[in-house]
Amino acid sequence: MKEIPRRYWRNLDIPLILVVLGLILLGLVVIYSASASRMLNLNVDPFYYVKRQAVAGCAGIIGLIVVLSIDYRAWRRWTKISYLGTVLVLAVILIAGKVAQGSQRWLSFGGFNLQPSELAKIVMIIALAHLLEKESSIEGRKILYPFFLIGVPM
């Protein structure tokens, strides 16, 4: 097996990972306490929801480690592509989105559901930070750029 270079581990924020892991574990306890008795009454595995959430939590921790291992300056290159991709995915929801509880905001891939608006929040912050970093001063008509940047996905 290939050894992972030290430079990838240098950016990891271990306290952040531990706090997120603790919150995930706390969430699993809360889910179990909220659902176990009902699941037992239905003669179903009382850990059903806990297992599903644990899988999602593991995927989240892996994603967090991957994101933290990348130097934050490297994200600049991907700002425009991620912004345009997010706007495109949000437009796809209008056409092929899954309706849940009266609103159309989910994309389904097999048994996996994705709510792109959650990703859009992060991408909007990165895109706005990129714009504000690039422009030394925002005056005149340029004052509308941040509003346009945020308004398009809405």
N, C-alpha and C. Protein backbone atom coordinates (compact mmCIF):
# COMPACT_ATOMS: atom_id res chain seq x y z
N MET A 1 0.84 -1.18 0.00
CA MET A 1 0.00 0.00 0.00
C MET A 1 0.89 1.25 0.00
N LYS A 2 0.49 2.24 -0.77
CA LYS A 2 1.25 3.49 -0.85
C LYS A 2 1.11 4.29 0.43
N GLU A 3 2.22 4.90 0.83
CA GLU A 3 2.19 5.76 2.01
C GLU A 3 1.71 7.16 1.60
N ILE A 4 0.85 7.74 2.41
CA ILE A 4 0.32 9.07 2.13
C ILE A 4 1.36 10.10 2.58
N PRO A 5 1.74 11.03 1.69
CA PRO A 5 2.75 12.04 2.05
C PRO A 5 2.32 12.87 3.26
N ARG A 6 3.31 13.29 4.04
CA ARG A 6 3.04 14.07 5.26
C ARG A 6 2.33 15.38 4.98
N ARG A 7 2.54 15.95 3.82
CA ARG A 7 1.93 17.25 3.53
C ARG A 7 0.41 17.19 3.58
N TYR A 8 -0.19 16.03 3.31
CA TYR A 8 -1.64 15.91 3.38
C TYR A 8 -2.14 15.92 4.82
N TRP A 9 -1.33 15.40 5.72
CA TRP A 9 -1.74 15.33 7.12
C TRP A 9 -1.48 16.64 7.85
N ARG A 10 -0.63 17.50 7.29
CA ARG A 10 -0.24 18.74 7.94
C ARG A 10 -1.44 19.67 8.18
N ASN A 11 -2.40 19.68 7.27
CA ASN A 11 -3.52 20.62 7.36
C ASN A 11 -4.67 20.11 8.22
N LEU A 12 -4.58 18.87 8.68
CA LEU A 12 -5.69 18.32 9.44
C LEU A 12 -5.83 19.03 10.79
N ASP A 13 -7.05 19.37 11.12
CA ASP A 13 -7.37 20.01 12.39
C ASP A 13 -7.94 18.93 13.30
N ILE A 14 -7.07 18.28 14.08
CA ILE A 14 -7.47 17.14 14.90
C ILE A 14 -8.56 17.53 15.92
N PRO A 15 -8.45 18.67 16.63
CA PRO A 15 -9.54 19.03 17.54
C PRO A 15 -10.90 19.15 16.83
N LEU A 16 -10.91 19.71 15.63
CA LEU A 16 -12.16 19.82 14.87
C LEU A 16 -12.72 18.44 14.55
N ILE A 17 -11.87 17.53 14.12
CA ILE A 17 -12.32 16.17 13.80
C ILE A 17 -12.88 15.50 15.04
N LEU A 18 -12.22 15.68 16.19
CA LEU A 18 -12.70 15.07 17.43
C LEU A 18 -14.04 15.66 17.88
N VAL A 19 -14.20 16.97 17.72
CA VAL A 19 -15.48 17.61 18.09
C VAL A 19 -16.60 17.09 17.18
N VAL A 20 -16.34 17.01 15.88
CA VAL A 20 -17.35 16.51 14.95
C VAL A 20 -17.68 15.06 15.27
N LEU A 21 -16.68 14.26 15.57
CA LEU A 21 -16.90 12.86 15.93
C LEU A 21 -17.75 12.77 17.20
N GLY A 22 -17.46 13.62 18.18
CA GLY A 22 -18.26 13.65 19.40
C GLY A 22 -19.70 14.03 19.14
N LEU A 23 -19.93 15.01 18.26
CA LEU A 23 -21.30 15.40 17.92
C LEU A 23 -22.04 14.28 17.19
N ILE A 24 -21.32 13.57 16.34
CA ILE A 24 -21.93 12.44 15.64
C ILE A 24 -22.34 11.37 16.64
N LEU A 25 -21.45 11.06 17.58
CA LEU A 25 -21.77 10.04 18.60
C LEU A 25 -22.95 10.48 19.46
N LEU A 26 -22.97 11.75 19.85
CA LEU A 26 -24.10 12.28 20.62
C LEU A 26 -25.40 12.16 19.81
N GLY A 27 -25.32 12.47 18.53
CA GLY A 27 -26.49 12.33 17.66
C GLY A 27 -26.98 10.90 17.57
N LEU A 28 -26.06 9.95 17.54
CA LEU A 28 -26.45 8.53 17.49
C LEU A 28 -27.19 8.13 18.77
N VAL A 29 -26.72 8.63 19.91
CA VAL A 29 -27.39 8.34 21.18
C VAL A 29 -28.80 8.93 21.18
N VAL A 30 -28.93 10.16 20.70
CA VAL A 30 -30.24 10.83 20.66
C VAL A 30 -31.18 10.08 19.72
N ILE A 31 -30.68 9.68 18.57
CA ILE A 31 -31.51 8.94 17.61
C ILE A 31 -31.97 7.62 18.21
N TYR A 32 -31.07 6.93 18.89
CA TYR A 32 -31.46 5.67 19.52
C TYR A 32 -32.52 5.89 20.58
N SER A 33 -32.33 6.89 21.43
CA SER A 33 -33.30 7.13 22.50
C SER A 33 -34.65 7.57 21.96
N ALA A 34 -34.65 8.24 20.82
CA ALA A 34 -35.92 8.71 20.24
C ALA A 34 -36.65 7.64 19.45
N SER A 35 -35.92 6.65 18.93
CA SER A 35 -36.57 5.71 18.01
C SER A 35 -36.60 4.26 18.49
N ALA A 36 -35.82 3.89 19.47
CA ALA A 36 -35.70 2.48 19.84
C ALA A 36 -37.01 1.88 20.33
N SER A 37 -37.73 2.56 21.20
CA SER A 37 -38.96 1.97 21.74
C SER A 37 -40.01 1.78 20.65
N ARG A 38 -40.12 2.74 19.76
CA ARG A 38 -41.08 2.59 18.65
C ARG A 38 -40.69 1.44 17.75
N MET A 39 -39.42 1.30 17.46
CA MET A 39 -38.96 0.23 16.58
C MET A 39 -39.18 -1.13 17.24
N LEU A 40 -38.99 -1.22 18.56
CA LEU A 40 -39.25 -2.48 19.26
C LEU A 40 -40.73 -2.83 19.22
N ASN A 41 -41.60 -1.83 19.35
CA ASN A 41 -43.04 -2.07 19.26
C ASN A 41 -43.45 -2.59 17.89
N LEU A 42 -42.71 -2.19 16.86
CA LEU A 42 -43.00 -2.63 15.49
C LEU A 42 -42.25 -3.92 15.14
N ASN A 43 -41.55 -4.50 16.12
CA ASN A 43 -40.74 -5.70 15.90
C ASN A 43 -39.71 -5.51 14.79
N VAL A 44 -39.07 -4.36 14.82
CA VAL A 44 -38.04 -4.01 13.85
C VAL A 44 -36.75 -3.76 14.63
N ASP A 45 -35.62 -3.90 13.96
CA ASP A 45 -34.32 -3.66 14.57
C ASP A 45 -34.29 -2.27 15.21
N PRO A 46 -34.10 -2.18 16.54
CA PRO A 46 -34.10 -0.86 17.18
C PRO A 46 -32.92 0.02 16.77
N PHE A 47 -31.91 -0.57 16.15
CA PHE A 47 -30.75 0.19 15.71
C PHE A 47 -30.83 0.59 14.24
N TYR A 48 -31.99 0.42 13.61
CA TYR A 48 -32.12 0.70 12.18
C TYR A 48 -31.70 2.13 11.84
N TYR A 49 -32.28 3.11 12.51
CA TYR A 49 -31.95 4.51 12.22
C TYR A 49 -30.54 4.86 12.68
N VAL A 50 -30.10 4.25 13.77
CA VAL A 50 -28.75 4.49 14.27
C VAL A 50 -27.72 4.02 13.25
N LYS A 51 -27.95 2.86 12.66
CA LYS A 51 -27.03 2.32 11.65
C LYS A 51 -26.97 3.23 10.42
N ARG A 52 -28.13 3.67 9.97
CA ARG A 52 -28.16 4.56 8.80
C ARG A 52 -27.42 5.86 9.08
N GLN A 53 -27.65 6.42 10.26
CA GLN A 53 -26.99 7.67 10.61
C GLN A 53 -25.49 7.46 10.82
N ALA A 54 -25.10 6.30 11.34
CA ALA A 54 -23.68 6.01 11.54
C ALA A 54 -22.95 5.93 10.20
N VAL A 55 -23.60 5.33 9.21
CA VAL A 55 -22.99 5.26 7.87
C VAL A 55 -22.82 6.68 7.31
N ALA A 56 -23.85 7.50 7.45
CA ALA A 56 -23.76 8.88 6.97
C ALA A 56 -22.69 9.65 7.75
N GLY A 57 -22.59 9.40 9.05
CA GLY A 57 -21.57 10.06 9.86
C GLY A 57 -20.16 9.67 9.45
N CYS A 58 -19.97 8.38 9.15
CA CYS A 58 -18.65 7.92 8.67
C CYS A 58 -18.30 8.57 7.34
N ALA A 59 -19.28 8.66 6.45
CA ALA A 59 -19.04 9.33 5.17
C ALA A 59 -18.70 10.80 5.40
N GLY A 60 -19.37 11.42 6.35
CA GLY A 60 -19.09 12.82 6.67
C GLY A 60 -17.69 13.02 7.23
N ILE A 61 -17.26 12.13 8.12
CA ILE A 61 -15.91 12.21 8.69
C ILE A 61 -14.86 12.03 7.59
N ILE A 62 -15.09 11.07 6.71
CA ILE A 62 -14.15 10.85 5.59
C ILE A 62 -14.09 12.10 4.71
N GLY A 63 -15.27 12.66 4.40
CA GLY A 63 -15.31 13.89 3.61
C GLY A 63 -14.59 15.04 4.31
N LEU A 64 -14.77 15.15 5.62
CA LEU A 64 -14.10 16.21 6.39
C LEU A 64 -12.59 16.05 6.32
N ILE A 65 -12.11 14.82 6.48
CA ILE A 65 -10.67 14.57 6.43
C ILE A 65 -10.11 14.90 5.05
N VAL A 66 -10.86 14.53 4.00
CA VAL A 66 -10.41 14.83 2.64
C VAL A 66 -10.34 16.34 2.43
N VAL A 67 -11.38 17.05 2.84
CA VAL A 67 -11.42 18.51 2.66
C VAL A 67 -10.31 19.19 3.47
N LEU A 68 -10.10 18.73 4.70
CA LEU A 68 -9.06 19.34 5.54
C LEU A 68 -7.65 19.04 5.04
N SER A 69 -7.49 17.94 4.33
CA SER A 69 -6.15 17.58 3.86
C SER A 69 -5.71 18.44 2.67
N ILE A 70 -6.65 19.15 2.08
CA ILE A 70 -6.33 20.02 0.94
C ILE A 70 -6.07 21.43 1.46
N ASP A 71 -4.97 22.02 1.03
CA ASP A 71 -4.63 23.38 1.44
C ASP A 71 -5.74 24.33 0.99
N TYR A 72 -6.15 25.21 1.88
CA TYR A 72 -7.29 26.08 1.58
C TYR A 72 -7.05 26.95 0.35
N ARG A 73 -5.80 27.27 0.05
CA ARG A 73 -5.52 28.10 -1.12
C ARG A 73 -5.81 27.36 -2.42
N ALA A 74 -5.80 26.04 -2.38
CA ALA A 74 -6.07 25.25 -3.58
C ALA A 74 -7.54 25.34 -4.00
N TRP A 75 -8.41 25.70 -3.06
CA TRP A 75 -9.84 25.79 -3.39
C TRP A 75 -10.13 26.95 -4.33
N ARG A 76 -9.24 27.95 -4.37
CA ARG A 76 -9.46 29.11 -5.24
C ARG A 76 -9.63 28.71 -6.69
N ARG A 77 -8.82 27.75 -7.14
CA ARG A 77 -8.88 27.31 -8.54
C ARG A 77 -10.26 26.78 -8.91
N TRP A 78 -10.93 26.19 -7.97
CA TRP A 78 -12.20 25.51 -8.25
C TRP A 78 -13.41 26.39 -7.98
N THR A 79 -13.21 27.63 -7.59
CA THR A 79 -14.33 28.49 -7.21
C THR A 79 -15.34 28.66 -8.34
N LYS A 80 -14.90 29.05 -9.52
CA LYS A 80 -15.84 29.30 -10.63
C LYS A 80 -16.53 28.02 -11.07
N ILE A 81 -15.77 26.94 -11.17
CA ILE A 81 -16.36 25.66 -11.60
C ILE A 81 -17.38 25.17 -10.58
N SER A 82 -17.05 25.25 -9.29
CA SER A 82 -17.98 24.78 -8.27
C SER A 82 -19.22 25.67 -8.22
N TYR A 83 -19.05 26.97 -8.42
CA TYR A 83 -20.20 27.88 -8.44
C TYR A 83 -21.13 27.54 -9.60
N LEU A 84 -20.57 27.41 -10.80
CA LEU A 84 -21.39 27.10 -11.97
C LEU A 84 -22.03 25.72 -11.84
N GLY A 85 -21.28 24.76 -11.31
CA GLY A 85 -21.83 23.42 -11.10
C GLY A 85 -22.99 23.43 -10.11
N THR A 86 -22.84 24.21 -9.06
CA THR A 86 -23.91 24.31 -8.06
C THR A 86 -25.16 24.95 -8.65
N VAL A 87 -24.98 26.01 -9.41
CA VAL A 87 -26.13 26.66 -10.06
C VAL A 87 -26.81 25.68 -11.01
N LEU A 88 -26.03 24.91 -11.74
CA LEU A 88 -26.58 23.91 -12.66
C LEU A 88 -27.38 22.85 -11.91
N VAL A 89 -26.83 22.34 -10.82
CA VAL A 89 -27.53 21.30 -10.05
C VAL A 89 -28.81 21.87 -9.45
N LEU A 90 -28.77 23.12 -8.98
CA LEU A 90 -29.99 23.74 -8.45
C LEU A 90 -31.04 23.90 -9.54
N ALA A 91 -30.61 24.15 -10.78
CA ALA A 91 -31.55 24.24 -11.90
C ALA A 91 -32.13 22.86 -12.22
N VAL A 92 -31.32 21.82 -12.10
CA VAL A 92 -31.80 20.46 -12.37
C VAL A 92 -32.90 20.08 -11.38
N ILE A 93 -32.82 20.57 -10.16
CA ILE A 93 -33.85 20.28 -9.17
C ILE A 93 -35.21 20.77 -9.63
N LEU A 94 -35.24 21.90 -10.30
CA LEU A 94 -36.51 22.43 -10.78
C LEU A 94 -37.15 21.50 -11.80
N ILE A 95 -36.32 20.74 -12.52
CA ILE A 95 -36.83 19.85 -13.56
C ILE A 95 -37.05 18.44 -13.03
N ALA A 96 -36.04 17.90 -12.34
CA ALA A 96 -36.08 16.48 -11.97
C ALA A 96 -36.00 16.26 -10.47
N GLY A 97 -36.29 17.28 -9.68
CA GLY A 97 -36.20 17.14 -8.23
C GLY A 97 -37.31 16.29 -7.66
N LYS A 98 -37.01 15.64 -6.55
CA LYS A 98 -37.97 14.80 -5.85
C LYS A 98 -38.76 15.67 -4.87
N VAL A 99 -40.07 15.52 -4.88
CA VAL A 99 -40.93 16.28 -3.98
C VAL A 99 -41.02 15.55 -2.65
N ALA A 100 -40.75 16.26 -1.57
CA ALA A 100 -40.87 15.71 -0.22
C ALA A 100 -41.51 16.76 0.67
N GLN A 101 -42.58 16.40 1.32
CA GLN A 101 -43.32 17.29 2.22
C GLN A 101 -43.70 18.61 1.55
N GLY A 102 -44.12 18.52 0.31
CA GLY A 102 -44.65 19.68 -0.40
C GLY A 102 -43.63 20.57 -1.08
N SER A 103 -42.35 20.23 -1.03
CA SER A 103 -41.37 21.06 -1.72
C SER A 103 -40.41 20.19 -2.51
N GLN A 104 -39.96 20.74 -3.60
CA GLN A 104 -39.10 20.02 -4.54
C GLN A 104 -37.65 20.45 -4.30
N ARG A 105 -36.91 19.64 -3.52
CA ARG A 105 -35.55 20.05 -3.18
C ARG A 105 -34.55 18.91 -3.07
N TRP A 106 -34.91 17.73 -3.51
CA TRP A 106 -34.04 16.56 -3.39
C TRP A 106 -33.73 15.96 -4.75
N LEU A 107 -32.52 15.44 -4.89
CA LEU A 107 -32.15 14.63 -6.04
C LEU A 107 -31.89 13.22 -5.54
N SER A 108 -32.42 12.22 -6.23
CA SER A 108 -32.24 10.83 -5.83
C SER A 108 -31.28 10.13 -6.77
N PHE A 109 -30.32 9.43 -6.19
CA PHE A 109 -29.38 8.60 -6.94
C PHE A 109 -29.43 7.22 -6.32
N GLY A 110 -30.23 6.33 -6.90
CA GLY A 110 -30.38 5.00 -6.29
C GLY A 110 -31.08 5.15 -4.95
N GLY A 111 -30.45 4.70 -3.89
CA GLY A 111 -31.02 4.82 -2.55
C GLY A 111 -30.49 6.03 -1.80
N PHE A 112 -29.76 6.88 -2.49
CA PHE A 112 -29.11 8.02 -1.86
C PHE A 112 -29.82 9.30 -2.28
N ASN A 113 -30.21 10.12 -1.32
CA ASN A 113 -30.86 11.40 -1.61
C ASN A 113 -29.89 12.53 -1.31
N LEU A 114 -29.88 13.53 -2.18
CA LEU A 114 -28.98 14.67 -2.04
C LEU A 114 -29.80 15.95 -2.05
N GLN A 115 -29.51 16.83 -1.10
CA GLN A 115 -30.16 18.14 -1.06
C GLN A 115 -29.11 19.19 -1.43
N PRO A 116 -29.05 19.55 -2.72
CA PRO A 116 -27.99 20.45 -3.20
C PRO A 116 -27.97 21.82 -2.54
N SER A 117 -29.06 22.25 -1.96
CA SER A 117 -29.05 23.57 -1.33
C SER A 117 -28.08 23.61 -0.16
N GLU A 118 -27.82 22.48 0.48
CA GLU A 118 -26.84 22.45 1.57
C GLU A 118 -25.44 22.69 1.04
N LEU A 119 -25.11 22.07 -0.08
CA LEU A 119 -23.82 22.29 -0.72
C LEU A 119 -23.72 23.72 -1.24
N ALA A 120 -24.84 24.23 -1.73
CA ALA A 120 -24.86 25.59 -2.29
C ALA A 120 -24.48 26.63 -1.23
N LYS A 121 -24.87 26.41 0.00
CA LYS A 121 -24.52 27.36 1.07
C LYS A 121 -23.01 27.50 1.19
N ILE A 122 -22.32 26.37 1.20
CA ILE A 122 -20.86 26.38 1.33
C ILE A 122 -20.21 27.01 0.11
N VAL A 123 -20.69 26.63 -1.07
CA VAL A 123 -20.12 27.15 -2.31
C VAL A 123 -20.35 28.66 -2.41
N MET A 124 -21.48 29.15 -1.97
CA MET A 124 -21.75 30.60 -2.01
C MET A 124 -20.77 31.35 -1.10
N ILE A 125 -20.48 30.80 0.06
CA ILE A 125 -19.52 31.44 0.97
C ILE A 125 -18.14 31.51 0.32
N ILE A 126 -17.72 30.39 -0.28
CA ILE A 126 -16.40 30.34 -0.94
C ILE A 126 -16.36 31.31 -2.12
N ALA A 127 -17.42 31.34 -2.92
CA ALA A 127 -17.45 32.23 -4.10
C ALA A 127 -17.46 33.69 -3.68
N LEU A 128 -18.22 34.02 -2.65
CA LEU A 128 -18.26 35.40 -2.17
C LEU A 128 -16.91 35.81 -1.59
N ALA A 129 -16.27 34.92 -0.84
CA ALA A 129 -14.94 35.21 -0.30
C ALA A 129 -13.94 35.42 -1.43
N HIS A 130 -14.05 34.61 -2.47
CA HIS A 130 -13.15 34.75 -3.63
C HIS A 130 -13.36 36.10 -4.31
N LEU A 131 -14.61 36.49 -4.49
CA LEU A 131 -14.91 37.77 -5.12
C LEU A 131 -14.38 38.93 -4.28
N LEU A 132 -14.62 38.89 -2.98
CA LEU A 132 -14.20 39.99 -2.12
C LEU A 132 -12.67 40.05 -1.99
N GLU A 133 -12.01 38.90 -2.09
CA GLU A 133 -10.55 38.90 -2.06
C GLU A 133 -9.98 39.49 -3.35
N LYS A 134 -10.61 39.15 -4.46
CA LYS A 134 -10.13 39.57 -5.78
C LYS A 134 -10.30 41.07 -5.99
N GLU A 135 -11.40 41.62 -5.54
CA GLU A 135 -11.69 43.04 -5.71
C GLU A 135 -11.15 43.81 -4.51
N SER A 136 -10.19 44.69 -4.75
CA SER A 136 -9.60 45.45 -3.63
C SER A 136 -10.62 46.42 -3.03
N SER A 137 -11.45 47.01 -3.87
CA SER A 137 -12.52 47.86 -3.37
C SER A 137 -13.74 47.67 -4.26
N ILE A 138 -14.88 47.67 -3.63
CA ILE A 138 -16.12 47.49 -4.38
C ILE A 138 -16.89 48.81 -4.32
N GLU A 139 -16.86 49.52 -5.44
CA GLU A 139 -17.51 50.83 -5.53
C GLU A 139 -18.34 50.90 -6.80
N GLY A 140 -19.24 51.84 -6.82
CA GLY A 140 -20.05 52.07 -8.02
C GLY A 140 -20.91 50.86 -8.34
N ARG A 141 -20.87 50.46 -9.62
CA ARG A 141 -21.70 49.34 -10.07
C ARG A 141 -21.21 48.00 -9.51
N LYS A 142 -19.94 47.95 -9.13
CA LYS A 142 -19.39 46.71 -8.58
C LYS A 142 -20.06 46.31 -7.26
N ILE A 143 -20.73 47.26 -6.62
CA ILE A 143 -21.41 46.96 -5.37
C ILE A 143 -22.49 45.90 -5.57
N LEU A 144 -22.98 45.78 -6.81
CA LEU A 144 -24.03 44.80 -7.11
C LEU A 144 -23.49 43.39 -7.33
N TYR A 145 -22.20 43.23 -7.56
CA TYR A 145 -21.63 41.90 -7.83
C TYR A 145 -21.93 40.88 -6.74
N PRO A 146 -21.71 41.20 -5.46
CA PRO A 146 -22.02 40.20 -4.43
C PRO A 146 -23.50 39.82 -4.41
N PHE A 147 -24.37 40.79 -4.63
CA PHE A 147 -25.80 40.50 -4.65
C PHE A 147 -26.17 39.61 -5.83
N PHE A 148 -25.55 39.86 -6.96
CA PHE A 148 -25.77 39.03 -8.15
C PHE A 148 -25.26 37.62 -7.90
N LEU A 149 -24.08 37.51 -7.32
CA LEU A 149 -23.47 36.22 -7.05
C LEU A 149 -24.35 35.36 -6.15
N ILE A 150 -24.91 35.96 -5.13
CA ILE A 150 -25.78 35.24 -4.21
C ILE A 150 -27.18 35.07 -4.79
N GLY A 151 -27.66 36.05 -5.54
CA GLY A 151 -29.03 36.03 -6.05
C GLY A 151 -29.29 35.03 -7.15
N VAL A 152 -28.30 34.75 -8.00
CA VAL A 152 -28.51 33.82 -9.12
C VAL A 152 -28.98 32.45 -8.65
N PRO A 153 -28.35 31.83 -7.67
CA PRO A 153 -28.82 30.50 -7.25
C PRO A 153 -30.19 30.51 -6.58
N MET A 154 -30.60 31.66 -6.09
CA MET A 154 -31.90 31.72 -5.41
C MET A 154 -33.00 31.64 -6.43
